[in-house]
């Protein structure tokens, strides 16, 4: 599954990239309109990001 995190959370993009630098979750790249792309199969991570960062499924 893929999520897009809105640009209003830009200050947290770096932290997310560092935290998920290894493993099955892929963070990045930033889309042309400023959203951070997150790809993962971990449903708990998807649910947490959707709640905390109002991320949108793509």
Protein backbone atom coordinates (compact mmCIF):
# COMPACT_ATOMS: atom_id res chain seq x y z
CA UNK A 1 0.00 0.00 0.00
CA UNK A 2 1.11 3.53 -0.66
CA UNK A 3 0.37 6.67 1.36
CA UNK A 4 0.94 10.33 0.59
CA UNK A 5 1.79 12.56 3.54
CA UNK A 6 0.74 16.19 3.01
CA UNK A 7 3.36 18.94 2.67
CA UNK A 8 2.12 20.64 5.87
CA UNK A 9 4.05 17.90 7.73
CA UNK A 10 7.28 18.69 5.87
CA UNK A 11 9.21 19.19 9.13
CA UNK A 12 8.68 15.48 9.90
CA UNK A 13 9.76 14.16 6.47
CA UNK A 14 13.42 13.91 7.51
CA UNK A 15 12.57 11.99 10.67
CA UNK A 16 10.40 9.54 8.76
CA UNK A 17 13.13 8.97 6.16
CA UNK A 18 15.73 8.30 8.87
CA UNK A 19 13.46 6.05 10.94
CA UNK A 20 12.45 3.86 8.00
CA UNK A 21 15.77 3.96 6.11
CA UNK A 22 16.05 0.17 6.31
CA UNK A 23 13.47 -2.57 6.19
CA UNK A 24 10.43 -3.23 4.05
CA UNK A 25 9.04 0.31 4.31
CA UNK A 26 10.14 2.72 1.59
CA UNK A 27 9.93 6.45 2.29
CA UNK A 28 10.28 8.90 -0.58
CA UNK A 29 10.53 10.44 -3.00
CA UNK A 30 8.63 13.69 -2.55
CA UNK A 31 6.05 14.16 -5.30
CA UNK A 32 5.99 17.18 -7.61
CA UNK A 33 3.25 18.73 -5.48
CA UNK A 34 5.14 18.31 -2.20
CA UNK A 35 3.70 15.10 -0.77
CA UNK A 36 5.98 12.47 0.77
CA UNK A 37 5.36 8.98 -0.63
CA UNK A 38 5.43 6.03 1.80
CA UNK A 39 5.20 2.43 0.57
CA UNK A 40 4.67 -0.43 3.03
CA UNK A 41 2.71 -3.61 3.66
CA UNK A 42 2.56 -2.99 7.44
CA UNK A 43 -1.10 -2.21 8.15
CA UNK A 44 -0.35 -0.92 11.68
CA UNK A 45 2.11 1.61 10.28
CA UNK A 46 -0.40 2.68 7.65
CA UNK A 47 -3.11 3.18 10.28
CA UNK A 48 -0.76 5.13 12.57
CA UNK A 49 0.43 7.44 9.79
CA UNK A 50 -3.14 8.04 8.61
CA UNK A 51 -4.19 9.04 12.13
CA UNK A 52 -1.17 11.14 13.08
CA UNK A 53 -0.37 12.82 9.77
CA UNK A 54 -3.71 12.75 7.91
CA UNK A 55 -1.99 10.78 5.15
CA UNK A 56 -4.05 9.79 2.13
CA UNK A 57 -4.02 6.39 0.39
CA UNK A 58 -3.08 6.55 -3.24
